Amino acid sequence: MEQYIERIKEAYPKMYSKDLVENLFKNPYTKIEFIMNDLQVSKPTAMDYLNKLIKIGLLKKEKRWKTNYYINEQLYKLFT
């Protein structure tokens, strides 16, 4: 978690929040709706956050049917 906090603060200091990082570690994946609900932000803001996290290599986007999942690969590797 500490590495994620540092990388987010370094790349996007205004975007960092404790709630955001906690959301990324609740499950090995997150969705736009999870970010919207946990952080109380709009859909465009949630999408922007997730795309920025992909850009700095913290998440990987996978589309399953009509839903996009944002995978925390480091956390996923711990579970497998």
PDB file of N, CA and C in Angstrom:
ATOM      1  N   MET A   1       0.827  -1.191   0.000  1.00  0.00           N
ATOM      2  CA  MET A   1       0.000   0.000   0.000  1.00  0.00           C
ATOM      3  C   MET A   1       0.869   1.251   0.000  1.00  0.00           C
ATOM      4  N   GLU A   2       1.947   1.184   0.734  1.00  0.00           N
ATOM      5  CA  GLU A   2       2.822   2.358   0.834  1.00  0.00           C
ATOM      6  C   GLU A   2       3.382   2.757  -0.529  1.00  0.00           C
ATOM      7  N   GLN A   3       3.738   1.746  -1.346  1.00  0.00           N
ATOM      8  CA  GLN A   3       4.252   2.034  -2.683  1.00  0.00           C
ATOM      9  C   GLN A   3       3.197   2.734  -3.530  1.00  0.00           C
ATOM     10  N   TYR A   4       1.969   2.302  -3.407  1.00  0.00           N
ATOM     11  CA  TYR A   4       0.879   2.917  -4.164  1.00  0.00           C
ATOM     12  C   TYR A   4       0.696   4.370  -3.728  1.00  0.00           C
ATOM     13  N   ILE A   5       0.725   4.588  -2.425  1.00  0.00           N
ATOM     14  CA  ILE A   5       0.565   5.946  -1.896  1.00  0.00           C
ATOM     15  C   ILE A   5       1.652   6.855  -2.451  1.00  0.00           C
ATOM     16  N   GLU A   6       2.894   6.388  -2.402  1.00  0.00           N
ATOM     17  CA  GLU A   6       4.010   7.195  -2.897  1.00  0.00           C
ATOM     18  C   GLU A   6       3.875   7.499  -4.389  1.00  0.00           C
ATOM     19  N   ARG A   7       3.519   6.477  -5.174  1.00  0.00           N
ATOM     20  CA  ARG A   7       3.425   6.674  -6.626  1.00  0.00           C
ATOM     21  C   ARG A   7       2.277   7.603  -6.991  1.00  0.00           C
ATOM     22  N   ILE A   8       1.165   7.500  -6.299  1.00  0.00           N
ATOM     23  CA  ILE A   8       0.035   8.392  -6.580  1.00  0.00           C
ATOM     24  C   ILE A   8       0.392   9.823  -6.184  1.00  0.00           C
ATOM     25  N   LYS A   9       0.958   9.988  -4.999  1.00  0.00           N
ATOM     26  CA  LYS A   9       1.337  11.333  -4.545  1.00  0.00           C
ATOM     27  C   LYS A   9       2.360  11.970  -5.473  1.00  0.00           C
ATOM     28  N   GLU A  10       3.280  11.160  -5.997  1.00  0.00           N
ATOM     29  CA  GLU A  10       4.311  11.675  -6.891  1.00  0.00           C
ATOM     30  C   GLU A  10       3.722  12.082  -8.243  1.00  0.00           C
ATOM     31  N   ALA A  11       2.874  11.239  -8.807  1.00  0.00           N
ATOM     32  CA  ALA A  11       2.329  11.489 -10.143  1.00  0.00           C
ATOM     33  C   ALA A  11       1.137  12.444 -10.133  1.00  0.00           C
ATOM     34  N   TYR A  12       0.237  12.274  -9.171  1.00  0.00           N
ATOM     35  CA  TYR A  12      -1.006  13.049  -9.125  1.00  0.00           C
ATOM     36  C   TYR A  12      -1.334  13.444  -7.688  1.00  0.00           C
ATOM     37  N   PRO A  13      -0.597  14.384  -7.121  1.00  0.00           N
ATOM     38  CA  PRO A  13      -0.805  14.716  -5.700  1.00  0.00           C
ATOM     39  C   PRO A  13      -2.225  15.178  -5.370  1.00  0.00           C
ATOM     40  N   LYS A  14      -2.896  15.850  -6.283  1.00  0.00           N
ATOM     41  CA  LYS A  14      -4.255  16.330  -5.998  1.00  0.00           C
ATOM     42  C   LYS A  14      -5.270  15.199  -5.997  1.00  0.00           C
ATOM     43  N   MET A  15      -4.943  14.107  -6.653  1.00  0.00           N
ATOM     44  CA  MET A  15      -5.863  12.981  -6.756  1.00  0.00           C
ATOM     45  C   MET A  15      -5.771  12.063  -5.531  1.00  0.00           C
ATOM     46  N   TYR A  16      -4.648  12.071  -4.835  1.00  0.00           N
ATOM     47  CA  TYR A  16      -4.441  11.141  -3.722  1.00  0.00           C
ATOM     48  C   TYR A  16      -5.483  11.334  -2.628  1.00  0.00           C
ATOM     49  N   SER A  17      -5.996  10.212  -2.143  1.00  0.00           N
ATOM     50  CA  SER A  17      -6.805  10.203  -0.920  1.00  0.00           C
ATOM     51  C   SER A  17      -6.680   8.824  -0.285  1.00  0.00           C
ATOM     52  N   LYS A  18      -6.830   8.796   1.007  1.00  0.00           N
ATOM     53  CA  LYS A  18      -6.771   7.540   1.750  1.00  0.00           C
ATOM     54  C   LYS A  18      -7.873   6.597   1.259  1.00  0.00           C
ATOM     55  N   ASP A  19      -9.052   7.143   0.991  1.00  0.00           N
ATOM     56  CA  ASP A  19     -10.176   6.332   0.530  1.00  0.00           C
ATOM     57  C   ASP A  19      -9.889   5.681  -0.819  1.00  0.00           C
ATOM     58  N   LEU A  20      -9.199   6.398  -1.691  1.00  0.00           N
ATOM     59  CA  LEU A  20      -8.849   5.842  -2.991  1.00  0.00           C
ATOM     60  C   LEU A  20      -7.935   4.633  -2.831  1.00  0.00           C
ATOM     61  N   VAL A  21      -6.903   4.774  -2.045  1.00  0.00           N
ATOM     62  CA  VAL A  21      -5.949   3.675  -1.847  1.00  0.00           C
ATOM     63  C   VAL A  21      -6.636   2.498  -1.158  1.00  0.00           C
ATOM     64  N   GLU A  22      -7.472   2.767  -0.189  1.00  0.00           N
ATOM     65  CA  GLU A  22      -8.192   1.681   0.491  1.00  0.00           C
ATOM     66  C   GLU A  22      -9.097   0.941  -0.479  1.00  0.00           C
ATOM     67  N   ASN A  23      -9.717   1.671  -1.406  1.00  0.00           N
ATOM     68  CA  ASN A  23     -10.563   1.039  -2.407  1.00  0.00           C
ATOM     69  C   ASN A  23      -9.758   0.074  -3.268  1.00  0.00           C
ATOM     70  N   LEU A  24      -8.533   0.451  -3.601  1.00  0.00           N
ATOM     71  CA  LEU A  24      -7.689  -0.389  -4.454  1.00  0.00           C
ATOM     72  C   LEU A  24      -7.256  -1.672  -3.764  1.00  0.00           C
ATOM     73  N   PHE A  25      -7.347  -1.708  -2.432  1.00  0.00           N
ATOM     74  CA  PHE A  25      -6.902  -2.881  -1.694  1.00  0.00           C
ATOM     75  C   PHE A  25      -8.037  -3.651  -1.017  1.00  0.00           C
ATOM     76  N   LYS A  26      -9.283  -3.253  -1.216  1.00  0.00           N
ATOM     77  CA  LYS A  26     -10.414  -4.020  -0.680  1.00  0.00           C
ATOM     78  C   LYS A  26     -10.516  -5.368  -1.374  1.00  0.00           C
ATOM     79  N   ASN A  27     -10.343  -5.345  -2.679  1.00  0.00           N
ATOM     80  CA  ASN A  27     -10.417  -6.522  -3.539  1.00  0.00           C
ATOM     81  C   ASN A  27      -9.276  -6.428  -4.540  1.00  0.00           C
ATOM     82  N   PRO A  28      -8.979  -7.517  -5.236  1.00  0.00           N
ATOM     83  CA  PRO A  28      -7.916  -7.424  -6.239  1.00  0.00           C
ATOM     84  C   PRO A  28      -8.351  -6.678  -7.499  1.00  0.00           C
ATOM     85  N   TYR A  29      -9.585  -6.208  -7.514  1.00  0.00           N
ATOM     86  CA  TYR A  29     -10.065  -5.412  -8.644  1.00  0.00           C
ATOM     87  C   TYR A  29     -11.008  -4.328  -8.119  1.00  0.00           C
ATOM     88  N   THR A  30     -11.243  -3.339  -8.977  1.00  0.00           N
ATOM     89  CA  THR A  30     -12.239  -2.332  -8.654  1.00  0.00           C
ATOM     90  C   THR A  30     -13.008  -2.025  -9.928  1.00  0.00           C
ATOM     91  N   LYS A  31     -14.075  -1.274  -9.784  1.00  0.00           N
ATOM     92  CA  LYS A  31     -14.888  -0.855 -10.928  1.00  0.00           C
ATOM     93  C   LYS A  31     -15.210   0.629 -10.759  1.00  0.00           C
ATOM     94  N   ILE A  32     -15.650   1.228 -11.835  1.00  0.00           N
ATOM     95  CA  ILE A  32     -15.999   2.646 -11.802  1.00  0.00           C
ATOM     96  C   ILE A  32     -17.018   2.904 -10.694  1.00  0.00           C
ATOM     97  N   GLU A  33     -18.006   2.025 -10.590  1.00  0.00           N
ATOM     98  CA  GLU A  33     -19.060   2.205  -9.589  1.00  0.00           C
ATOM     99  C   GLU A  33     -18.513   2.168  -8.169  1.00  0.00           C
ATOM    100  N   PHE A  34     -17.515   1.330  -7.926  1.00  0.00           N
ATOM    101  CA  PHE A  34     -16.923   1.245  -6.592  1.00  0.00           C
ATOM    102  C   PHE A  34     -16.250   2.566  -6.221  1.00  0.00           C
ATOM    103  N   ILE A  35     -15.520   3.138  -7.175  1.00  0.00           N
ATOM    104  CA  ILE A  35     -14.843   4.419  -6.943  1.00  0.00           C
ATOM    105  C   ILE A  35     -15.881   5.518  -6.720  1.00  0.00           C
ATOM    106  N   MET A  36     -16.917   5.529  -7.549  1.00  0.00           N
ATOM    107  CA  MET A  36     -17.966   6.540  -7.406  1.00  0.00           C
ATOM    108  C   MET A  36     -18.594   6.487  -6.014  1.00  0.00           C
ATOM    109  N   ASN A  37     -18.919   5.295  -5.556  1.00  0.00           N
ATOM    110  CA  ASN A  37     -19.580   5.137  -4.258  1.00  0.00           C
ATOM    111  C   ASN A  37     -18.650   5.413  -3.088  1.00  0.00           C
ATOM    112  N   ASP A  38     -17.439   4.865  -3.132  1.00  0.00           N
ATOM    113  CA  ASP A  38     -16.515   5.011  -2.004  1.00  0.00           C
ATOM    114  C   ASP A  38     -15.964   6.422  -1.860  1.00  0.00           C
ATOM    115  N   LEU A  39     -15.744   7.099  -2.993  1.00  0.00           N
ATOM    116  CA  LEU A  39     -15.140   8.424  -2.948  1.00  0.00           C
ATOM    117  C   LEU A  39     -16.160   9.552  -3.142  1.00  0.00           C
ATOM    118  N   GLN A  40     -17.406   9.165  -3.419  1.00  0.00           N
ATOM    119  CA  GLN A  40     -18.468  10.150  -3.662  1.00  0.00           C
ATOM    120  C   GLN A  40     -18.080  11.122  -4.771  1.00  0.00           C
ATOM    121  N   VAL A  41     -17.686  10.547  -5.929  1.00  0.00           N
ATOM    122  CA  VAL A  41     -17.308  11.354  -7.085  1.00  0.00           C
ATOM    123  C   VAL A  41     -18.192  10.973  -8.262  1.00  0.00           C
ATOM    124  N   SER A  42     -18.178  11.818  -9.288  1.00  0.00           N
ATOM    125  CA  SER A  42     -18.969  11.561 -10.476  1.00  0.00           C
ATOM    126  C   SER A  42     -18.318  10.465 -11.329  1.00  0.00           C
ATOM    127  N   LYS A  43     -19.074   9.958 -12.279  1.00  0.00           N
ATOM    128  CA  LYS A  43     -18.550   8.919 -13.167  1.00  0.00           C
ATOM    129  C   LYS A  43     -17.341   9.413 -13.960  1.00  0.00           C
ATOM    130  N   PRO A  44     -17.381  10.615 -14.562  1.00  0.00           N
ATOM    131  CA  PRO A  44     -16.192  11.087 -15.286  1.00  0.00           C
ATOM    132  C   PRO A  44     -14.955  11.213 -14.389  1.00  0.00           C
ATOM    133  N   THR A  45     -15.142  11.633 -13.150  1.00  0.00           N
ATOM    134  CA  THR A  45     -14.015  11.752 -12.216  1.00  0.00           C
ATOM    135  C   THR A  45     -13.474  10.380 -11.870  1.00  0.00           C
ATOM    136  N   ALA A  46     -14.352   9.421 -11.608  1.00  0.00           N
ATOM    137  CA  ALA A  46     -13.915   8.057 -11.302  1.00  0.00           C
ATOM    138  C   ALA A  46     -13.145   7.468 -12.479  1.00  0.00           C
ATOM    139  N   MET A  47     -13.641   7.668 -13.691  1.00  0.00           N
ATOM    140  CA  MET A  47     -12.957   7.170 -14.879  1.00  0.00           C
ATOM    141  C   MET A  47     -11.594   7.824 -15.038  1.00  0.00           C
ATOM    142  N   ASP A  48     -11.517   9.111 -14.760  1.00  0.00           N
ATOM    143  CA  ASP A  48     -10.241   9.827 -14.845  1.00  0.00           C
ATOM    144  C   ASP A  48      -9.237   9.252 -13.843  1.00  0.00           C
ATOM    145  N   TYR A  49      -9.661   9.039 -12.627  1.00  0.00           N
ATOM    146  CA  TYR A  49      -8.784   8.462 -11.595  1.00  0.00           C
ATOM    147  C   TYR A  49      -8.253   7.096 -12.053  1.00  0.00           C
ATOM    148  N   LEU A  50      -9.157   6.242 -12.514  1.00  0.00           N
ATOM    149  CA  LEU A  50      -8.751   4.898 -12.909  1.00  0.00           C
ATOM    150  C   LEU A  50      -7.811   4.925 -14.107  1.00  0.00           C
ATOM    151  N   ASN A  51      -8.079   5.782 -15.069  1.00  0.00           N
ATOM    152  CA  ASN A  51      -7.190   5.887 -16.231  1.00  0.00           C
ATOM    153  C   ASN A  51      -5.809   6.405 -15.842  1.00  0.00           C
ATOM    154  N   LYS A  52      -5.757   7.310 -14.893  1.00  0.00           N
ATOM    155  CA  LYS A  52      -4.460   7.806 -14.422  1.00  0.00           C
ATOM    156  C   LYS A  52      -3.693   6.708 -13.685  1.00  0.00           C
ATOM    157  N   LEU A  53      -4.401   5.890 -12.927  1.00  0.00           N
ATOM    158  CA  LEU A  53      -3.748   4.786 -12.220  1.00  0.00           C
ATOM    159  C   LEU A  53      -3.226   3.736 -13.202  1.00  0.00           C
ATOM    160  N   ILE A  54      -3.926   3.551 -14.300  1.00  0.00           N
ATOM    161  CA  ILE A  54      -3.435   2.663 -15.359  1.00  0.00           C
ATOM    162  C   ILE A  54      -2.169   3.247 -15.968  1.00  0.00           C
ATOM    163  N   LYS A  55      -2.198   4.542 -16.225  1.00  0.00           N
ATOM    164  CA  LYS A  55      -1.064   5.216 -16.865  1.00  0.00           C
ATOM    165  C   LYS A  55       0.224   5.076 -16.058  1.00  0.00           C
ATOM    166  N   ILE A  56       0.116   5.092 -14.731  1.00  0.00           N
ATOM    167  CA  ILE A  56       1.330   4.970 -13.910  1.00  0.00           C
ATOM    168  C   ILE A  56       1.601   3.517 -13.498  1.00  0.00           C
ATOM    169  N   GLY A  57       0.839   2.588 -14.056  1.00  0.00           N
ATOM    170  CA  GLY A  57       1.127   1.176 -13.878  1.00  0.00           C
ATOM    171  C   GLY A  57       0.618   0.531 -12.603  1.00  0.00           C
ATOM    172  N   LEU A  58      -0.332   1.159 -11.931  1.00  0.00           N
ATOM    173  CA  LEU A  58      -0.850   0.573 -10.692  1.00  0.00           C
ATOM    174  C   LEU A  58      -2.035  -0.354 -10.932  1.00  0.00           C
ATOM    175  N   LEU A  59      -2.732  -0.152 -12.040  1.00  0.00           N
ATOM    176  CA  LEU A  59      -3.876  -0.994 -12.383  1.00  0.00           C
ATOM    177  C   LEU A  59      -3.781  -1.437 -13.834  1.00  0.00           C
ATOM    178  N   LYS A  60      -4.510  -2.503 -14.136  1.00  0.00           N
ATOM    179  CA  LYS A  60      -4.629  -2.990 -15.503  1.00  0.00           C
ATOM    180  C   LYS A  60      -6.114  -3.109 -15.807  1.00  0.00           C
ATOM    181  N   LYS A  61      -6.525  -2.607 -16.956  1.00  0.00           N
ATOM    182  CA  LYS A  61      -7.940  -2.629 -17.332  1.00  0.00           C
ATOM    183  C   LYS A  61      -8.255  -3.893 -18.122  1.00  0.00           C
ATOM    184  N   GLU A  62      -9.334  -4.563 -17.713  1.00  0.00           N
ATOM    185  CA  GLU A  62      -9.816  -5.735 -18.437  1.00  0.00           C
ATOM    186  C   GLU A  62     -11.316  -5.599 -18.631  1.00  0.00           C
ATOM    187  N   LYS A  63     -11.754  -5.812 -19.857  1.00  0.00           N
ATOM    188  CA  LYS A  63     -13.177  -5.724 -20.155  1.00  0.00           C
ATOM    189  C   LYS A  63     -13.761  -7.130 -20.205  1.00  0.00           C
ATOM    190  N   ARG A  64     -14.801  -7.352 -19.441  1.00  0.00           N
ATOM    191  CA  ARG A  64     -15.541  -8.612 -19.436  1.00  0.00           C
ATOM    192  C   ARG A  64     -16.992  -8.276 -19.743  1.00  0.00           C
ATOM    193  N   TRP A  65     -17.460  -8.783 -20.855  1.00  0.00           N
ATOM    194  CA  TRP A  65     -18.785  -8.447 -21.369  1.00  0.00           C
ATOM    195  C   TRP A  65     -18.876  -6.940 -21.527  1.00  0.00           C
ATOM    196  N   LYS A  66     -19.758  -6.298 -20.793  1.00  0.00           N
ATOM    197  CA  LYS A  66     -19.920  -4.842 -20.918  1.00  0.00           C
ATOM    198  C   LYS A  66     -19.269  -4.085 -19.771  1.00  0.00           C
ATOM    199  N   THR A  67     -18.614  -4.791 -18.881  1.00  0.00           N
ATOM    200  CA  THR A  67     -18.066  -4.170 -17.672  1.00  0.00           C
ATOM    201  C   THR A  67     -16.553  -4.114 -17.730  1.00  0.00           C
ATOM    202  N   ASN A  68     -16.009  -2.958 -17.345  1.00  0.00           N
ATOM    203  CA  ASN A  68     -14.565  -2.812 -17.209  1.00  0.00           C
ATOM    204  C   ASN A  68     -14.174  -3.088 -15.765  1.00  0.00           C
ATOM    205  N   TYR A  69     -13.166  -3.935 -15.613  1.00  0.00           N
ATOM    206  CA  TYR A  69     -12.596  -4.221 -14.301  1.00  0.00           C
ATOM    207  C   TYR A  69     -11.179  -3.663 -14.286  1.00  0.00           C
ATOM    208  N   TYR A  70     -10.803  -3.087 -13.181  1.00  0.00           N
ATOM    209  CA  TYR A  70      -9.483  -2.490 -13.028  1.00  0.00           C
ATOM    210  C   TYR A  70      -8.736  -3.333 -12.002  1.00  0.00           C
ATOM    211  N   ILE A  71      -7.777  -4.100 -12.502  1.00  0.00           N
ATOM    212  CA  ILE A  71      -7.105  -5.120 -11.698  1.00  0.00           C
ATOM    213  C   ILE A  71      -5.878  -4.551 -10.998  1.00  0.00           C
ATOM    214  N   ASN A  72      -5.803  -4.780  -9.711  1.00  0.00           N
ATOM    215  CA  ASN A  72      -4.611  -4.467  -8.930  1.00  0.00           C
ATOM    216  C   ASN A  72      -3.742  -5.733  -9.010  1.00  0.00           C
ATOM    217  N   GLU A  73      -2.864  -5.777 -10.019  1.00  0.00           N
ATOM    218  CA  GLU A  73      -2.108  -6.996 -10.291  1.00  0.00           C
ATOM    219  C   GLU A  73      -1.200  -7.410  -9.135  1.00  0.00           C
ATOM    220  N   GLN A  74      -0.606  -6.465  -8.448  1.00  0.00           N
ATOM    221  CA  GLN A  74       0.263  -6.822  -7.324  1.00  0.00           C
ATOM    222  C   GLN A  74      -0.527  -7.510  -6.214  1.00  0.00           C
ATOM    223  N   LEU A  75      -1.709  -7.003  -5.920  1.00  0.00           N
ATOM    224  CA  LEU A  75      -2.552  -7.632  -4.903  1.00  0.00           C
ATOM    225  C   LEU A  75      -3.040  -8.993  -5.398  1.00  0.00           C
ATOM    226  N   TYR A  76      -3.413  -9.063  -6.649  1.00  0.00           N
ATOM    227  CA  TYR A  76      -3.868 -10.327  -7.228  1.00  0.00           C
ATOM    228  C   TYR A  76      -2.791 -11.404  -7.108  1.00  0.00           C
ATOM    229  N   LYS A  77      -1.547 -11.031  -7.384  1.00  0.00           N
ATOM    230  CA  LYS A  77      -0.433 -11.983  -7.290  1.00  0.00           C
ATOM    231  C   LYS A  77      -0.247 -12.510  -5.867  1.00  0.00           C
ATOM    232  N   LEU A  78      -0.531 -11.677  -4.878  1.00  0.00           N
ATOM    233  CA  LEU A  78      -0.441 -12.141  -3.492  1.00  0.00           C
ATOM    234  C   LEU A  78      -1.455 -13.225  -3.172  1.00  0.00           C
ATOM    235  N   PHE A  79      -2.617 -13.138  -3.805  1.00  0.00           N
ATOM    236  CA  PHE A  79      -3.692 -14.095  -3.556  1.00  0.00           C
ATOM    237  C   PHE A  79      -3.525 -15.397  -4.329  1.00  0.00           C
ATOM    238  N   THR A  80      -2.737 -15.362  -5.409  1.00  0.00           N
ATOM    239  CA  THR A  80      -2.633 -16.573  -6.241  1.00  0.00           C
ATOM    240  C   THR A  80      -1.321 -17.298  -6.036  1.00  0.00           C
TER     241      THR A  80
END
